[in-house]
Amino acid sequence: MIALGGIVGEKPVLLTINNHMVMVTLTENFAEIPSLIRQPTMPMTMHTEPTMAFKALADPTRRAIFERLSRDGEQTVWMLTDKSGVSQPAISKHLGVLKHAGLVRARHRGRQTHYTAQPRALAPLVDWMSYYSRFWHDRLERLEDLLKRMDQ
């Protein structure tokens, strides 16, 4: 989070970046600040909204289930319940959320359902994190350049 406070002109202004405060004097370079702190818009190349996957993986039990399926391969509800310390109905509900988010696939065989992790469903998360990683890297470089020019 970037916030500006203080008086603009020849007097110092307090600039807060991720809870780190920097005192700067903003004069003719002040016009550059809005472009440094402007909220980004998501690129048109991002096809899928990552919200469902974020919500599904926000729960530590669901993350553990997804990690176990990714690591150990296909498993039934009973196999997942056996070593988890979580009840079978709870595991089934968590699997339902993961399935709805596209993170697991269910395959029915007789009376059992086998679940498999779908790592490709993480692609929207990877895209989202890559975009914001590039965004903040670029913005912080521009801020650093501005601060250097202001010190000269």
C-alpha atoms as a PDB file:
ATOM      1  CA  MET A   1       0.000   0.000   0.000  1.00  0.00           C
ATOM      2  CA  ILE A   2       1.337   3.388  -0.952  1.00  0.00           C
ATOM      3  CA  ALA A   3      -0.041   6.534   0.681  1.00  0.00           C
ATOM      4  CA  LEU A   4       0.913  10.194   0.488  1.00  0.00           C
ATOM      5  CA  GLY A   5       0.516  12.703   3.267  1.00  0.00           C
ATOM      6  CA  GLY A   6       1.822  16.152   4.208  1.00  0.00           C
ATOM      7  CA  ILE A   7       2.137  19.322   2.186  1.00  0.00           C
ATOM      8  CA  VAL A   8       3.197  19.391  -1.445  1.00  0.00           C
ATOM      9  CA  GLY A   9       5.658  22.026  -2.555  1.00  0.00           C
ATOM     10  CA  GLU A  10       9.003  22.785  -0.965  1.00  0.00           C
ATOM     11  CA  LYS A  11       7.949  21.166   2.318  1.00  0.00           C
ATOM     12  CA  PRO A  12       8.487  17.473   3.118  1.00  0.00           C
ATOM     13  CA  VAL A  13       5.828  14.914   2.323  1.00  0.00           C
ATOM     14  CA  LEU A  14       5.487  11.594   4.093  1.00  0.00           C
ATOM     15  CA  LEU A  15       5.396   8.675   1.651  1.00  0.00           C
ATOM     16  CA  THR A  16       4.377   5.312   3.085  1.00  0.00           C
ATOM     17  CA  ILE A  17       5.163   2.138   1.133  1.00  0.00           C
ATOM     18  CA  ASN A  18       4.097  -1.134   2.753  1.00  0.00           C
ATOM     19  CA  ASN A  19       4.369   0.373   6.247  1.00  0.00           C
ATOM     20  CA  HIS A  20       7.829   1.887   5.562  1.00  0.00           C
ATOM     21  CA  MET A  21       7.858   5.658   5.784  1.00  0.00           C
ATOM     22  CA  VAL A  22      10.025   7.869   3.575  1.00  0.00           C
ATOM     23  CA  MET A  23      10.214  11.659   3.813  1.00  0.00           C
ATOM     24  CA  VAL A  24      10.532  13.329   0.416  1.00  0.00           C
ATOM     25  CA  THR A  25      10.109  16.810  -0.944  1.00  0.00           C
ATOM     26  CA  LEU A  26       7.819  16.914  -3.942  1.00  0.00           C
ATOM     27  CA  THR A  27       8.210  19.807  -6.338  1.00  0.00           C
ATOM     28  CA  GLU A  28       8.221  19.576 -10.139  1.00  0.00           C
ATOM     29  CA  ASN A  29       8.322  15.742 -10.004  1.00  0.00           C
ATOM     30  CA  PHE A  30       4.970  15.551  -8.226  1.00  0.00           C
ATOM     31  CA  ALA A  31       3.176  14.937 -11.542  1.00  0.00           C
ATOM     32  CA  GLU A  32       4.955  11.568 -11.752  1.00  0.00           C
ATOM     33  CA  ILE A  33       3.584  10.284  -8.444  1.00  0.00           C
ATOM     34  CA  PRO A  34       0.045   9.413  -9.645  1.00  0.00           C
ATOM     35  CA  SER A  35       1.463   7.098 -12.310  1.00  0.00           C
ATOM     36  CA  LEU A  36       3.591   5.422  -9.647  1.00  0.00           C
ATOM     37  CA  ILE A  37       0.683   4.647  -7.357  1.00  0.00           C
ATOM     38  CA  ARG A  38      -2.138   4.203  -9.860  1.00  0.00           C
ATOM     39  CA  GLN A  39      -4.118   0.990  -9.378  1.00  0.00           C
ATOM     40  CA  PRO A  40      -3.374  -1.515 -12.122  1.00  0.00           C
ATOM     41  CA  THR A  41      -5.936  -2.979 -14.439  1.00  0.00           C
ATOM     42  CA  MET A  42      -5.706  -6.647 -15.278  1.00  0.00           C
ATOM     43  CA  PRO A  43      -4.441  -7.387 -18.775  1.00  0.00           C
ATOM     44  CA  MET A  44      -6.866  -8.685 -21.360  1.00  0.00           C
ATOM     45  CA  THR A  45      -4.749 -11.838 -21.764  1.00  0.00           C
ATOM     46  CA  MET A  46      -5.876 -13.188 -18.401  1.00  0.00           C
ATOM     47  CA  HIS A  47      -8.704 -15.519 -19.372  1.00  0.00           C
ATOM     48  CA  THR A  48      -9.844 -16.847 -16.016  1.00  0.00           C
ATOM     49  CA  GLU A  49     -10.648 -15.091 -12.772  1.00  0.00           C
ATOM     50  CA  PRO A  50      -8.473 -16.526  -9.963  1.00  0.00           C
ATOM     51  CA  THR A  51     -11.039 -15.805  -7.243  1.00  0.00           C
ATOM     52  CA  MET A  52     -12.479 -19.331  -7.056  1.00  0.00           C
ATOM     53  CA  ALA A  53      -9.082 -20.952  -6.657  1.00  0.00           C
ATOM     54  CA  PHE A  54      -7.985 -18.358  -4.070  1.00  0.00           C
ATOM     55  CA  LYS A  55     -11.148 -18.928  -2.047  1.00  0.00           C
ATOM     56  CA  ALA A  56     -10.815 -22.702  -2.264  1.00  0.00           C
ATOM     57  CA  LEU A  57      -7.160 -22.697  -1.224  1.00  0.00           C
ATOM     58  CA  ALA A  58      -7.658 -20.107   1.530  1.00  0.00           C
ATOM     59  CA  ASP A  59      -8.614 -22.902   3.920  1.00  0.00           C
ATOM     60  CA  PRO A  60      -5.584 -24.780   5.331  1.00  0.00           C
ATOM     61  CA  THR A  61      -7.405 -28.145   5.271  1.00  0.00           C
ATOM     62  CA  ARG A  62      -8.259 -27.739   1.584  1.00  0.00           C
ATOM     63  CA  ARG A  63      -4.682 -26.700   0.829  1.00  0.00           C
ATOM     64  CA  ALA A  64      -3.450 -29.825   2.625  1.00  0.00           C
ATOM     65  CA  ILE A  65      -5.877 -32.027   0.659  1.00  0.00           C
ATOM     66  CA  PHE A  66      -4.813 -30.439  -2.638  1.00  0.00           C
ATOM     67  CA  GLU A  67      -1.118 -30.801  -1.741  1.00  0.00           C
ATOM     68  CA  ARG A  68      -1.607 -34.430  -0.756  1.00  0.00           C
ATOM     69  CA  LEU A  69      -3.443 -35.234  -3.990  1.00  0.00           C
ATOM     70  CA  SER A  70      -0.747 -33.420  -5.966  1.00  0.00           C
ATOM     71  CA  ARG A  71       2.038 -35.284  -4.186  1.00  0.00           C
ATOM     72  CA  ASP A  72       0.522 -38.756  -3.772  1.00  0.00           C
ATOM     73  CA  GLY A  73      -1.801 -38.969  -6.781  1.00  0.00           C
ATOM     74  CA  GLU A  74      -5.352 -40.263  -6.956  1.00  0.00           C
ATOM     75  CA  GLN A  75      -7.040 -41.079  -3.633  1.00  0.00           C
ATOM     76  CA  THR A  76     -10.483 -41.890  -2.307  1.00  0.00           C
ATOM     77  CA  VAL A  77     -12.284 -39.928   0.401  1.00  0.00           C
ATOM     78  CA  TRP A  78     -11.473 -42.728   2.849  1.00  0.00           C
ATOM     79  CA  MET A  79      -7.767 -42.602   2.016  1.00  0.00           C
ATOM     80  CA  LEU A  80      -7.766 -38.840   2.552  1.00  0.00           C
ATOM     81  CA  THR A  81      -9.715 -39.157   5.814  1.00  0.00           C
ATOM     82  CA  ASP A  82      -7.468 -41.909   7.188  1.00  0.00           C
ATOM     83  CA  LYS A  83      -4.389 -39.787   7.922  1.00  0.00           C
ATOM     84  CA  SER A  84      -5.918 -36.330   8.115  1.00  0.00           C
ATOM     85  CA  GLY A  85      -7.535 -36.210  11.542  1.00  0.00           C
ATOM     86  CA  VAL A  86     -10.615 -34.696   9.879  1.00  0.00           C
ATOM     87  CA  SER A  87     -14.002 -36.407   9.661  1.00  0.00           C
ATOM     88  CA  GLN A  88     -15.195 -38.025   6.426  1.00  0.00           C
ATOM     89  CA  PRO A  89     -18.123 -35.581   5.999  1.00  0.00           C
ATOM     90  CA  ALA A  90     -15.741 -32.624   6.425  1.00  0.00           C
ATOM     91  CA  ILE A  91     -13.280 -34.068   3.879  1.00  0.00           C
ATOM     92  CA  SER A  92     -16.181 -34.615   1.453  1.00  0.00           C
ATOM     93  CA  LYS A  93     -17.297 -30.988   1.833  1.00  0.00           C
ATOM     94  CA  HIS A  94     -13.750 -29.728   1.290  1.00  0.00           C
ATOM     95  CA  LEU A  95     -13.426 -31.909  -1.810  1.00  0.00           C
ATOM     96  CA  GLY A  96     -16.701 -30.441  -3.088  1.00  0.00           C
ATOM     97  CA  VAL A  97     -15.286 -26.909  -2.793  1.00  0.00           C
ATOM     98  CA  LEU A  98     -12.044 -27.952  -4.499  1.00  0.00           C
ATOM     99  CA  LYS A  99     -14.017 -29.702  -7.253  1.00  0.00           C
ATOM    100  CA  HIS A 100     -16.240 -26.637  -7.784  1.00  0.00           C
ATOM    101  CA  ALA A 101     -13.090 -24.515  -8.190  1.00  0.00           C
ATOM    102  CA  GLY A 102     -11.732 -27.003 -10.725  1.00  0.00           C
ATOM    103  CA  LEU A 103      -8.781 -27.945  -8.519  1.00  0.00           C
ATOM    104  CA  VAL A 104      -9.723 -31.629  -8.252  1.00  0.00           C
ATOM    105  CA  ARG A 105     -11.456 -34.101 -10.531  1.00  0.00           C
ATOM    106  CA  ALA A 106     -13.701 -36.912  -9.315  1.00  0.00           C
ATOM    107  CA  ARG A 107     -13.794 -40.312 -10.983  1.00  0.00           C
ATOM    108  CA  HIS A 108     -16.460 -42.792  -9.884  1.00  0.00           C
ATOM    109  CA  ARG A 109     -15.555 -46.451  -9.760  1.00  0.00           C
ATOM    110  CA  GLY A 110     -18.189 -48.700  -8.245  1.00  0.00           C
ATOM    111  CA  ARG A 111     -19.169 -47.287  -4.865  1.00  0.00           C
ATOM    112  CA  GLN A 112     -15.997 -45.256  -4.460  1.00  0.00           C
ATOM    113  CA  THR A 113     -15.040 -41.877  -5.776  1.00  0.00           C
ATOM    114  CA  HIS A 114     -11.392 -41.284  -6.629  1.00  0.00           C
ATOM    115  CA  TYR A 115     -10.072 -37.737  -6.552  1.00  0.00           C
ATOM    116  CA  THR A 116      -7.157 -36.349  -8.539  1.00  0.00           C
ATOM    117  CA  ALA A 117      -5.505 -32.929  -8.282  1.00  0.00           C
ATOM    118  CA  GLN A 118      -5.783 -30.711 -11.356  1.00  0.00           C
ATOM    119  CA  PRO A 119      -2.621 -28.557 -11.230  1.00  0.00           C
ATOM    120  CA  ARG A 120      -3.604 -26.740 -14.444  1.00  0.00           C
ATOM    121  CA  ALA A 121      -6.370 -25.091 -12.437  1.00  0.00           C
ATOM    122  CA  LEU A 122      -3.627 -23.101 -10.693  1.00  0.00           C
ATOM    123  CA  ALA A 123      -2.820 -21.290 -13.953  1.00  0.00           C
ATOM    124  CA  PRO A 124      -5.070 -18.274 -13.164  1.00  0.00           C
ATOM    125  CA  LEU A 125      -3.295 -17.896  -9.809  1.00  0.00           C
ATOM    126  CA  VAL A 126       0.115 -18.078 -11.449  1.00  0.00           C
ATOM    127  CA  ASP A 127      -0.987 -15.528 -14.074  1.00  0.00           C
ATOM    128  CA  TRP A 128      -2.351 -13.215 -11.382  1.00  0.00           C
ATOM    129  CA  MET A 129       0.775 -13.448  -9.216  1.00  0.00           C
ATOM    130  CA  SER A 130       3.085 -12.983 -12.218  1.00  0.00           C
ATOM    131  CA  TYR A 131       1.175  -9.910 -13.325  1.00  0.00           C
ATOM    132  CA  TYR A 132       1.317  -8.268  -9.900  1.00  0.00           C
ATOM    133  CA  SER A 133       4.937  -9.266  -9.408  1.00  0.00           C
ATOM    134  CA  ARG A 134       5.842  -7.452 -12.641  1.00  0.00           C
ATOM    135  CA  PHE A 135       3.520  -4.560 -11.767  1.00  0.00           C
ATOM    136  CA  TRP A 136       5.075  -3.913  -8.346  1.00  0.00           C
ATOM    137  CA  HIS A 137       8.612  -4.482  -9.577  1.00  0.00           C
ATOM    138  CA  ASP A 138       8.061  -1.850 -12.272  1.00  0.00           C
ATOM    139  CA  ARG A 139       6.343   0.601  -9.924  1.00  0.00           C
ATOM    140  CA  LEU A 140       8.986   0.325  -7.222  1.00  0.00           C
ATOM    141  CA  GLU A 141      11.768   0.778  -9.785  1.00  0.00           C
ATOM    142  CA  ARG A 142      10.042   3.929 -11.037  1.00  0.00           C
ATOM    143  CA  LEU A 143       9.659   5.163  -7.472  1.00  0.00           C
ATOM    144  CA  GLU A 144      13.327   4.474  -6.779  1.00  0.00           C
ATOM    145  CA  ASP A 145      14.291   6.407  -9.929  1.00  0.00           C
ATOM    146  CA  LEU A 146      12.091   9.319  -8.868  1.00  0.00           C
ATOM    147  CA  LEU A 147      13.582   9.383  -5.383  1.00  0.00           C
ATOM    148  CA  LYS A 148      17.118   9.348  -6.846  1.00  0.00           C
ATOM    149  CA  ARG A 149      16.273  12.248  -9.175  1.00  0.00           C
ATOM    150  CA  MET A 150      14.786  14.147  -6.264  1.00  0.00           C
ATOM    151  CA  ASP A 151      17.973  13.650  -4.212  1.00  0.00           C
ATOM    152  CA  GLN A 152      20.129  15.165  -6.974  1.00  0.00           C
END
